Amino acid sequence: MNGKVLSIAGSDPSGGAGIQADIKAISAMGAYAMAAITSLTVQNTLGVTRAVPVEAELVRDQVLACLGDIGADAIKSGMLFDEKIISVVTDVLKTAGRGIPYVLDPVMVSTSGHALLEPQAQKALIEHLVPLATLITPNIPEARALTGMAAIGTVEQMQDAAEKILGLGAGAVLLKGGHGSGDTLIDLLVTANDMVRFDSQRIDTPHTHGTGCTLASAIAAGLAQNMPLEAAVSRARDYVHQAILRAPGFGGGHGPLNHLVSPNVKG
C-alpha cells in the first residue's frame, strides 16, 4: 500500500458515487483511503432525491482526526454542500492540510440534475477553495458555472475556459469532455506553462454514475504516490475508461462503474 488519501465528500448509499466511490478508487490505485463525510444523501442509479448536510464542525473534526493521526499525502474534496462546510474545509486546508496536494472536484449538480451545491456556496468555492487547489477537475457544465461562459463545445473553447479557471488561482485544471459530443472524448489538462490533450473513445453507455468522483480520487491517489501530475491523470483516465467498459450493469438508471478493475488493465 503506497500513499494515503483523505476524501472529503458526501455519502452515496447506493455505492456508485461520493465517498463510497472514492474509497473504492483510492484502494484500487493501491493507496490508503480515509473519508470525512459532508452530507448524507438519498440516491440510487435513478437519481438523488434528498441531501442533508453534516454539521460543519463535525466535518472539520473528521478531517482533523485523520490529519492529526494517520496523516495524508493527498486530499480530495467532492460534494461540500454549503458555505459553512466550505469555510471549515478552507480553514483546515490552510492549517493542518497546508502543503498537501489537493484535488478539487467542484461537484455542483448530479448526473440526474439534482443540485448538490447551494447557490451561495458557489461563490465561496470559487473565492476560497479554487486558489488552494493543486488540481481542479470540472466537467463542462461546472466549467460554465465557474467561468460564466455560455458555450464550451470546441477544444478552443475548452482551453479558454480552463485558462479562465486557472486565472481564479488553481494550480492546474483538468477540463473533462464527457458532456461533449462526438466519438472522441477529449479532456484538457492545462497549467500555467503547458496544455496536454487526452483523447479516448467515447463509450455509449448509461453506466457512468460516479465517474467524476472516481477520476478525481484516482488522480489524488497518484499524487499521494508522488506521480507527476500528467502521469497521475493519464493512469486515472485509463482506470475510469476500463471501469466503465467493465461496469456490472446494476440499477435501472445511470449505473455504477466496476471500481475493482485493475488500473493496469488495457483493452
C-alpha atoms as a PDB file:
ATOM      1  CA  MET A   1       0.000   0.000   0.000  1.00  0.00           C
ATOM      2  CA  ASN A   2       1.526   3.283  -1.129  1.00  0.00           C
ATOM      3  CA  GLY A   3       0.198   6.752  -0.294  1.00  0.00           C
ATOM      4  CA  LYS A   4      -2.586   7.996   1.986  1.00  0.00           C
ATOM      5  CA  VAL A   5      -5.571   9.930   0.626  1.00  0.00           C
ATOM      6  CA  LEU A   6      -8.273  11.760   2.555  1.00  0.00           C
ATOM      7  CA  SER A   7     -11.540  12.301   0.706  1.00  0.00           C
ATOM      8  CA  ILE A   8     -13.944  14.995   1.928  1.00  0.00           C
ATOM      9  CA  ALA A   9     -17.283  14.336   0.248  1.00  0.00           C
ATOM     10  CA  GLY A  10     -20.902  13.248   0.514  1.00  0.00           C
ATOM     11  CA  SER A  11     -22.168   9.725   1.014  1.00  0.00           C
ATOM     12  CA  ASP A  12     -23.944   7.725  -1.696  1.00  0.00           C
ATOM     13  CA  PRO A  13     -25.850   4.807  -0.122  1.00  0.00           C
ATOM     14  CA  SER A  14     -26.018   3.008  -3.481  1.00  0.00           C
ATOM     15  CA  GLY A  15     -22.217   2.871  -3.597  1.00  0.00           C
ATOM     16  CA  GLY A  16     -21.638   4.324  -7.049  1.00  0.00           C
ATOM     17  CA  ALA A  17     -20.506   7.864  -6.277  1.00  0.00           C
ATOM     18  CA  GLY A  18     -19.337  10.062  -3.431  1.00  0.00           C
ATOM     19  CA  ILE A  19     -17.330   8.707  -0.515  1.00  0.00           C
ATOM     20  CA  GLN A  20     -18.075   5.118  -1.448  1.00  0.00           C
ATOM     21  CA  ALA A  21     -16.686   5.541  -4.981  1.00  0.00           C
ATOM     22  CA  ASP A  22     -13.713   7.476  -3.603  1.00  0.00           C
ATOM     23  CA  ILE A  23     -12.725   4.728  -1.185  1.00  0.00           C
ATOM     24  CA  LYS A  24     -13.002   2.073  -3.912  1.00  0.00           C
ATOM     25  CA  ALA A  25     -10.991   4.084  -6.436  1.00  0.00           C
ATOM     26  CA  ILE A  26      -8.233   5.052  -3.992  1.00  0.00           C
ATOM     27  CA  SER A  27      -7.958   1.428  -2.882  1.00  0.00           C
ATOM     28  CA  ALA A  28      -7.834   0.199  -6.485  1.00  0.00           C
ATOM     29  CA  MET A  29      -4.869   2.531  -7.040  1.00  0.00           C
ATOM     30  CA  GLY A  30      -3.051   0.842  -4.186  1.00  0.00           C
ATOM     31  CA  ALA A  31      -3.341   3.776  -1.766  1.00  0.00           C
ATOM     32  CA  TYR A  32      -4.888   4.011   1.712  1.00  0.00           C
ATOM     33  CA  ALA A  33      -8.298   5.720   1.806  1.00  0.00           C
ATOM     34  CA  MET A  34      -9.759   7.884   4.565  1.00  0.00           C
ATOM     35  CA  ALA A  35     -13.079   9.726   4.493  1.00  0.00           C
ATOM     36  CA  ALA A  36     -14.714  12.773   6.031  1.00  0.00           C
ATOM     37  CA  ILE A  37     -18.429  12.809   5.219  1.00  0.00           C
ATOM     38  CA  THR A  38     -20.026  16.157   4.387  1.00  0.00           C
ATOM     39  CA  SER A  39     -23.565  15.119   3.511  1.00  0.00           C
ATOM     40  CA  LEU A  40     -25.965  12.204   3.718  1.00  0.00           C
ATOM     41  CA  THR A  41     -27.881  11.691   0.504  1.00  0.00           C
ATOM     42  CA  VAL A  42     -30.790   9.572  -0.616  1.00  0.00           C
ATOM     43  CA  GLN A  43     -29.866   8.364  -4.080  1.00  0.00           C
ATOM     44  CA  ASN A  44     -29.511   5.411  -6.389  1.00  0.00           C
ATOM     45  CA  THR A  45     -28.910   4.960 -10.116  1.00  0.00           C
ATOM     46  CA  LEU A  46     -32.207   6.715 -10.824  1.00  0.00           C
ATOM     47  CA  GLY A  47     -31.166   9.967  -9.155  1.00  0.00           C
ATOM     48  CA  VAL A  48     -30.805  11.973  -5.954  1.00  0.00           C
ATOM     49  CA  THR A  49     -34.000  12.638  -4.024  1.00  0.00           C
ATOM     50  CA  ARG A  50     -32.631  14.167  -0.819  1.00  0.00           C
ATOM     51  CA  ALA A  51     -29.398  15.555   0.602  1.00  0.00           C
ATOM     52  CA  VAL A  52     -28.792  16.679   4.183  1.00  0.00           C
ATOM     53  CA  PRO A  53     -25.534  18.359   5.265  1.00  0.00           C
ATOM     54  CA  VAL A  54     -23.411  17.166   8.153  1.00  0.00           C
ATOM     55  CA  GLU A  55     -22.753  19.847  10.776  1.00  0.00           C
ATOM     56  CA  ALA A  56     -19.778  21.888   9.590  1.00  0.00           C
ATOM     57  CA  GLU A  57     -17.868  21.493  12.859  1.00  0.00           C
ATOM     58  CA  LEU A  58     -18.246  17.722  12.597  1.00  0.00           C
ATOM     59  CA  VAL A  59     -16.793  17.809   9.088  1.00  0.00           C
ATOM     60  CA  ARG A  60     -13.837  19.788  10.437  1.00  0.00           C
ATOM     61  CA  ASP A  61     -13.314  17.362  13.309  1.00  0.00           C
ATOM     62  CA  GLN A  62     -13.384  14.340  10.964  1.00  0.00           C
ATOM     63  CA  VAL A  63     -10.680  15.920   8.810  1.00  0.00           C
ATOM     64  CA  LEU A  64      -8.545  16.886  11.784  1.00  0.00           C
ATOM     65  CA  ALA A  65      -8.868  13.400  13.277  1.00  0.00           C
ATOM     66  CA  CYS A  66      -7.402  11.923  10.092  1.00  0.00           C
ATOM     67  CA  LEU A  67      -4.692  14.506   9.518  1.00  0.00           C
ATOM     68  CA  GLY A  68      -3.679  14.598  13.185  1.00  0.00           C
ATOM     69  CA  ASP A  69      -3.046  10.872  13.412  1.00  0.00           C
ATOM     70  CA  ILE A  70      -2.541   8.899  10.199  1.00  0.00           C
ATOM     71  CA  GLY A  71      -1.858  11.963   8.064  1.00  0.00           C
ATOM     72  CA  ALA A  72      -2.421  12.338   4.323  1.00  0.00           C
ATOM     73  CA  ASP A  73      -0.248  12.536   1.228  1.00  0.00           C
ATOM     74  CA  ALA A  74      -3.132  13.996  -0.806  1.00  0.00           C
ATOM     75  CA  ILE A  75      -6.569  15.417  -0.109  1.00  0.00           C
ATOM     76  CA  LYS A  76      -9.562  15.250  -2.437  1.00  0.00           C
ATOM     77  CA  SER A  77     -12.875  17.033  -1.976  1.00  0.00           C
ATOM     78  CA  GLY A  78     -16.169  16.387  -3.705  1.00  0.00           C
ATOM     79  CA  MET A  79     -19.652  17.379  -2.595  1.00  0.00           C
ATOM     80  CA  LEU A  80     -19.310  20.142   0.018  1.00  0.00           C
ATOM     81  CA  PHE A  81     -22.963  21.203   0.043  1.00  0.00           C
ATOM     82  CA  ASP A  82     -22.942  24.640   1.681  1.00  0.00           C
ATOM     83  CA  GLU A  83     -20.936  27.718   2.593  1.00  0.00           C
ATOM     84  CA  LYS A  84     -20.335  26.667   6.206  1.00  0.00           C
ATOM     85  CA  ILE A  85     -18.711  23.404   5.171  1.00  0.00           C
ATOM     86  CA  ILE A  86     -16.619  25.179   2.530  1.00  0.00           C
ATOM     87  CA  SER A  87     -15.454  27.621   5.209  1.00  0.00           C
ATOM     88  CA  VAL A  88     -14.223  24.937   7.616  1.00  0.00           C
ATOM     89  CA  VAL A  89     -12.609  22.919   4.809  1.00  0.00           C
ATOM     90  CA  THR A  90     -10.806  26.079   3.681  1.00  0.00           C
ATOM     91  CA  ASP A  91      -9.531  26.714   7.197  1.00  0.00           C
ATOM     92  CA  VAL A  92      -8.276  23.169   7.636  1.00  0.00           C
ATOM     93  CA  LEU A  93      -6.540  23.124   4.243  1.00  0.00           C
ATOM     94  CA  LYS A  94      -4.716  26.314   5.192  1.00  0.00           C
ATOM     95  CA  THR A  95      -3.604  24.927   8.564  1.00  0.00           C
ATOM     96  CA  ALA A  96      -3.400  21.173   9.181  1.00  0.00           C
ATOM     97  CA  GLY A  97      -3.541  20.458   5.440  1.00  0.00           C
ATOM     98  CA  ARG A  98      -1.029  23.063   4.392  1.00  0.00           C
ATOM     99  CA  GLY A  99       1.400  21.791   1.756  1.00  0.00           C
ATOM    100  CA  ILE A 100      -0.582  18.621   0.986  1.00  0.00           C
ATOM    101  CA  PRO A 101      -1.593  18.216  -2.688  1.00  0.00           C
ATOM    102  CA  TYR A 102      -5.311  18.987  -3.027  1.00  0.00           C
ATOM    103  CA  VAL A 103      -7.637  17.789  -5.792  1.00  0.00           C
ATOM    104  CA  LEU A 104     -10.885  19.767  -6.000  1.00  0.00           C
ATOM    105  CA  ASP A 105     -13.812  18.120  -7.767  1.00  0.00           C
ATOM    106  CA  PRO A 106     -16.287  21.036  -7.913  1.00  0.00           C
ATOM    107  CA  VAL A 107     -19.419  18.918  -7.505  1.00  0.00           C
ATOM    108  CA  MET A 108     -22.399  21.155  -8.246  1.00  0.00           C
ATOM    109  CA  VAL A 109     -25.113  19.077  -9.928  1.00  0.00           C
ATOM    110  CA  SER A 110     -25.740  15.320 -10.000  1.00  0.00           C
ATOM    111  CA  THR A 111     -25.990  13.364 -13.227  1.00  0.00           C
ATOM    112  CA  SER A 112     -29.764  13.349 -12.751  1.00  0.00           C
ATOM    113  CA  GLY A 113     -29.862  17.141 -12.373  1.00  0.00           C
ATOM    114  CA  HIS A 114     -30.188  17.447  -8.579  1.00  0.00           C
ATOM    115  CA  ALA A 115     -28.349  20.487  -7.144  1.00  0.00           C
ATOM    116  CA  LEU A 116     -25.518  19.346  -4.850  1.00  0.00           C
ATOM    117  CA  LEU A 117     -24.084  22.767  -4.015  1.00  0.00           C
ATOM    118  CA  GLU A 118     -26.188  25.587  -2.646  1.00  0.00           C
ATOM    119  CA  PRO A 119     -26.109  28.683  -4.916  1.00  0.00           C
ATOM    120  CA  GLN A 120     -24.478  30.946  -2.336  1.00  0.00           C
ATOM    121  CA  ALA A 121     -21.818  28.321  -1.747  1.00  0.00           C
ATOM    122  CA  GLN A 122     -20.620  28.510  -5.350  1.00  0.00           C
ATOM    123  CA  LYS A 123     -19.092  31.930  -4.789  1.00  0.00           C
ATOM    124  CA  ALA A 124     -17.337  30.697  -1.646  1.00  0.00           C
ATOM    125  CA  LEU A 125     -15.918  27.709  -3.523  1.00  0.00           C
ATOM    126  CA  ILE A 126     -14.552  29.965  -6.269  1.00  0.00           C
ATOM    127  CA  GLU A 127     -13.088  32.523  -3.882  1.00  0.00           C
ATOM    128  CA  HIS A 128     -11.667  30.248  -1.202  1.00  0.00           C
ATOM    129  CA  LEU A 129     -11.080  26.699  -2.450  1.00  0.00           C
ATOM    130  CA  VAL A 130     -10.107  27.123  -6.101  1.00  0.00           C
ATOM    131  CA  PRO A 131      -6.936  29.085  -5.177  1.00  0.00           C
ATOM    132  CA  LEU A 132      -5.890  26.257  -2.849  1.00  0.00           C
ATOM    133  CA  ALA A 133      -6.317  23.507  -5.447  1.00  0.00           C
ATOM    134  CA  THR A 134      -3.322  21.698  -6.875  1.00  0.00           C
ATOM    135  CA  LEU A 135      -5.808  20.480  -9.485  1.00  0.00           C
ATOM    136  CA  ILE A 136      -9.477  21.222 -10.159  1.00  0.00           C
ATOM    137  CA  THR A 137     -11.471  18.746 -12.263  1.00  0.00           C
ATOM    138  CA  PRO A 138     -14.619  20.415 -13.658  1.00  0.00           C
ATOM    139  CA  ASN A 139     -16.849  18.889 -16.307  1.00  0.00           C
ATOM    140  CA  ILE A 140     -18.277  21.178 -18.982  1.00  0.00           C
ATOM    141  CA  PRO A 141     -21.416  22.273 -17.045  1.00  0.00           C
ATOM    142  CA  GLU A 142     -19.258  23.004 -13.989  1.00  0.00           C
ATOM    143  CA  ALA A 143     -16.775  24.928 -16.129  1.00  0.00           C
ATOM    144  CA  ARG A 144     -19.641  27.055 -17.452  1.00  0.00           C
ATOM    145  CA  ALA A 145     -20.710  27.792 -13.865  1.00  0.00           C
ATOM    146  CA  LEU A 146     -17.141  28.644 -12.841  1.00  0.00           C
ATOM    147  CA  THR A 147     -16.426  30.911 -15.813  1.00  0.00           C
ATOM    148  CA  GLY A 148     -19.806  32.284 -16.874  1.00  0.00           C
ATOM    149  CA  MET A 149     -19.151  31.101 -20.434  1.00  0.00           C
ATOM    150  CA  ALA A 150     -22.362  30.281 -22.291  1.00  0.00           C
ATOM    151  CA  ALA A 151     -20.836  27.714 -24.635  1.00  0.00           C
ATOM    152  CA  ILE A 152     -17.956  25.281 -24.136  1.00  0.00           C
ATOM    153  CA  GLY A 153     -18.044  22.874 -27.039  1.00  0.00           C
ATOM    154  CA  THR A 154     -14.907  23.152 -29.124  1.00  0.00           C
ATOM    155  CA  VAL A 155     -11.380  22.377 -27.985  1.00  0.00           C
ATOM    156  CA  GLU A 156     -10.591  26.092 -28.291  1.00  0.00           C
ATOM    157  CA  GLN A 157     -13.499  26.948 -26.005  1.00  0.00           C
ATOM    158  CA  MET A 158     -12.401  24.264 -23.554  1.00  0.00           C
ATOM    159  CA  GLN A 159      -8.902  25.724 -23.474  1.00  0.00           C
ATOM    160  CA  ASP A 160     -10.297  29.220 -22.985  1.00  0.00           C
ATOM    161  CA  ALA A 161     -12.457  28.021 -20.098  1.00  0.00           C
ATOM    162  CA  ALA A 162      -9.557  26.169 -18.484  1.00  0.00           C
ATOM    163  CA  GLU A 163      -7.372  29.250 -18.697  1.00  0.00           C
ATOM    164  CA  LYS A 164     -10.115  31.335 -17.088  1.00  0.00           C
ATOM    165  CA  ILE A 165     -10.288  28.844 -14.223  1.00  0.00           C
ATOM    166  CA  LEU A 166      -6.503  28.995 -13.895  1.00  0.00           C
ATOM    167  CA  GLY A 167      -6.989  32.716 -13.525  1.00  0.00           C
ATOM    168  CA  LEU A 168      -9.093  32.038 -10.432  1.00  0.00           C
ATOM    169  CA  GLY A 169      -5.960  30.681  -8.762  1.00  0.00           C
ATOM    170  CA  ALA A 170      -5.969  26.930  -9.377  1.00  0.00           C
ATOM    171  CA  GLY A 171      -2.611  25.276  -9.886  1.00  0.00           C
ATOM    172  CA  ALA A 172      -3.906  23.160 -12.775  1.00  0.00           C
ATOM    173  CA  VAL A 173      -7.215  22.416 -14.488  1.00  0.00           C
ATOM    174  CA  LEU A 174      -8.419  19.130 -15.930  1.00  0.00           C
ATOM    175  CA  LEU A 175     -11.437  20.117 -18.013  1.00  0.00           C
ATOM    176  CA  LYS A 176     -13.375  16.940 -18.747  1.00  0.00           C
ATOM    177  CA  GLY A 177     -15.186  16.484 -22.034  1.00  0.00           C
ATOM    178  CA  GLY A 178     -17.627  13.770 -21.034  1.00  0.00           C
ATOM    179  CA  HIS A 179     -20.584  16.110 -21.568  1.00  0.00           C
ATOM    180  CA  GLY A 180     -19.392  16.959 -25.072  1.00  0.00           C
ATOM    181  CA  SER A 181     -20.318  15.293 -28.330  1.00  0.00           C
ATOM    182  CA  GLY A 182     -18.586  13.208 -30.976  1.00  0.00           C
ATOM    183  CA  ASP A 183     -16.977   9.778 -30.987  1.00  0.00           C
ATOM    184  CA  THR A 184     -13.811  11.032 -29.320  1.00  0.00           C
ATOM    185  CA  LEU A 185     -13.866  12.155 -25.695  1.00  0.00           C
ATOM    186  CA  ILE A 186     -11.370  14.966 -25.137  1.00  0.00           C
ATOM    187  CA  ASP A 187     -10.027  16.093 -21.770  1.00  0.00           C
ATOM    188  CA  LEU A 188      -7.619  19.011 -21.415  1.00  0.00           C
ATOM    189  CA  LEU A 189      -5.022  19.317 -18.668  1.00  0.00           C
ATOM    190  CA  VAL A 190      -3.966  22.945 -18.507  1.00  0.00           C
ATOM    191  CA  THR A 191      -1.293  24.539 -16.338  1.00  0.00           C
ATOM    192  CA  ALA A 192       0.357  27.937 -16.429  1.00  0.00           C
ATOM    193  CA  ASN A 193       3.076  26.537 -18.697  1.00  0.00           C
ATOM    194  CA  ASP A 194       1.527  23.747 -20.694  1.00  0.00           C
ATOM    195  CA  MET A 195      -1.576  22.075 -22.128  1.00  0.00           C
ATOM    196  CA  VAL A 196      -1.924  18.321 -22.569  1.00  0.00           C
ATOM    197  CA  ARG A 197      -4.771  16.857 -24.585  1.00  0.00           C
ATOM    198  CA  PHE A 198      -6.066  13.384 -23.712  1.00  0.00           C
ATOM    199  CA  ASP A 199      -8.210  11.574 -26.292  1.00  0.00           C
ATOM    200  CA  SER A 200     -10.178   8.385 -25.785  1.00  0.00           C
ATOM    201  CA  GLN A 201     -13.023   6.574 -27.485  1.00  0.00           C
ATOM    202  CA  ARG A 202     -16.364   7.761 -26.153  1.00  0.00           C
ATOM    203  CA  ILE A 203     -18.308   4.851 -24.647  1.00  0.00           C
ATOM    204  CA  ASP A 204     -22.048   4.706 -25.400  1.00  0.00           C
ATOM    205  CA  THR A 205     -23.368   3.517 -22.045  1.00  0.00           C
ATOM    206  CA  PRO A 206     -25.688   4.619 -19.235  1.00  0.00           C
ATOM    207  CA  HIS A 207     -23.267   3.228 -16.656  1.00  0.00           C
ATOM    208  CA  THR A 208     -21.430   6.415 -15.757  1.00  0.00           C
ATOM    209  CA  HIS A 209     -22.613   7.067 -12.191  1.00  0.00           C
ATOM    210  CA  GLY A 210     -19.749   8.470 -10.128  1.00  0.00           C
ATOM    211  CA  THR A 211     -17.222   8.924 -12.927  1.00  0.00           C
ATOM    212  CA  GLY A 212     -16.177  12.377 -11.705  1.00  0.00           C
ATOM    213  CA  CYS A 213     -15.713  11.221  -8.113  1.00  0.00           C
ATOM    214  CA  THR A 214     -13.795   8.172  -9.263  1.00  0.00           C
ATOM    215  CA  LEU A 215     -11.481  10.082 -11.594  1.00  0.00           C
ATOM    216  CA  ALA A 216     -10.601  12.789  -9.061  1.00  0.00           C
ATOM    217  CA  SER A 217      -9.909  10.216  -6.352  1.00  0.00           C
ATOM    218  CA  ALA A 218      -7.731   8.113  -8.648  1.00  0.00           C
ATOM    219  CA  ILE A 219      -5.733  11.222  -9.553  1.00  0.00           C
ATOM    220  CA  ALA A 220      -5.360  12.113  -5.870  1.00  0.00           C
ATOM    221  CA  ALA A 221      -4.011   8.624  -5.235  1.00  0.00           C
ATOM    222  CA  GLY A 222      -1.405   9.165  -7.946  1.00  0.00           C
ATOM    223  CA  LEU A 223      -0.318  12.445  -6.397  1.00  0.00           C
ATOM    224  CA  ALA A 224      -0.123  10.748  -2.996  1.00  0.00           C
ATOM    225  CA  GLN A 225       2.223   8.228  -4.608  1.00  0.00           C
ATOM    226  CA  ASN A 226       4.459  11.046  -5.877  1.00  0.00           C
ATOM    227  CA  MET A 227       3.485  10.578  -9.522  1.00  0.00           C
ATOM    228  CA  PRO A 228       3.875  13.632 -11.767  1.00  0.00           C
ATOM    229  CA  LEU A 229       0.512  15.279 -12.417  1.00  0.00           C
ATOM    230  CA  GLU A 230       0.300  14.288 -16.085  1.00  0.00           C
ATOM    231  CA  ALA A 231       1.108  10.666 -15.284  1.00  0.00           C
ATOM    232  CA  ALA A 232      -1.433  10.591 -12.440  1.00  0.00           C
ATOM    233  CA  VAL A 233      -4.117  11.962 -14.754  1.00  0.00           C
ATOM    234  CA  SER A 234      -3.244   9.522 -17.532  1.00  0.00           C
ATOM    235  CA  ARG A 235      -3.381   6.489 -15.241  1.00  0.00           C
ATOM    236  CA  ALA A 236      -6.640   7.647 -13.669  1.00  0.00           C
ATOM    237  CA  ARG A 237      -8.265   8.190 -17.071  1.00  0.00           C
ATOM    238  CA  ASP A 238      -7.263   4.715 -18.215  1.00  0.00           C
ATOM    239  CA  TYR A 239      -8.648   3.244 -14.993  1.00  0.00           C
ATOM    240  CA  VAL A 240     -12.002   5.019 -15.339  1.00  0.00           C
ATOM    241  CA  HIS A 241     -12.253   4.041 -19.006  1.00  0.00           C
ATOM    242  CA  GLN A 242     -11.796   0.379 -18.134  1.00  0.00           C
ATOM    243  CA  ALA A 243     -14.129   0.655 -15.126  1.00  0.00           C
ATOM    244  CA  ILE A 244     -16.871   1.947 -17.445  1.00  0.00           C
ATOM    245  CA  LEU A 245     -16.234  -0.764 -20.043  1.00  0.00           C
ATOM    246  CA  ARG A 246     -16.488  -3.413 -17.337  1.00  0.00           C
ATOM    247  CA  ALA A 247     -19.440  -1.873 -15.474  1.00  0.00           C
ATOM    248  CA  PRO A 248     -21.595  -4.527 -13.756  1.00  0.00           C
ATOM    249  CA  GLY A 249     -24.847  -3.240 -15.276  1.00  0.00           C
ATOM    250  CA  PHE A 250     -26.577  -2.690 -11.950  1.00  0.00           C
ATOM    251  CA  GLY A 251     -29.654  -0.469 -11.499  1.00  0.00           C
ATOM    252  CA  GLY A 252     -32.303   0.952 -13.749  1.00  0.00           C
ATOM    253  CA  GLY A 253     -30.653   4.304 -14.435  1.00  0.00           C
ATOM    254  CA  HIS A 254     -27.078   5.625 -14.524  1.00  0.00           C
ATOM    255  CA  GLY A 255     -25.352   2.516 -13.208  1.00  0.00           C
ATOM    256  CA  PRO A 256     -22.103   2.283 -11.229  1.00  0.00           C
ATOM    257  CA  LEU A 257     -18.644   1.530 -12.566  1.00  0.00           C
ATOM    258  CA  ASN A 258     -16.567  -1.543 -11.859  1.00  0.00           C
ATOM    259  CA  HIS A 259     -14.188   0.031  -9.360  1.00  0.00           C
ATOM    260  CA  LEU A 260     -12.349  -3.247  -8.842  1.00  0.00           C
ATOM    261  CA  VAL A 261     -10.835  -3.289 -12.314  1.00  0.00           C
ATOM    262  CA  SER A 262      -7.046  -3.144 -12.236  1.00  0.00           C
ATOM    263  CA  PRO A 263      -5.626   0.278 -13.152  1.00  0.00           C
ATOM    264  CA  ASN A 264      -3.121  -1.582 -15.342  1.00  0.00           C
ATOM    265  CA  VAL A 265      -5.709  -3.437 -17.426  1.00  0.00           C
ATOM    266  CA  LYS A 266      -5.753  -2.413 -21.094  1.00  0.00           C
ATOM    267  CA  GLY A 267      -8.128  -3.188 -23.942  1.00  0.00           C
END
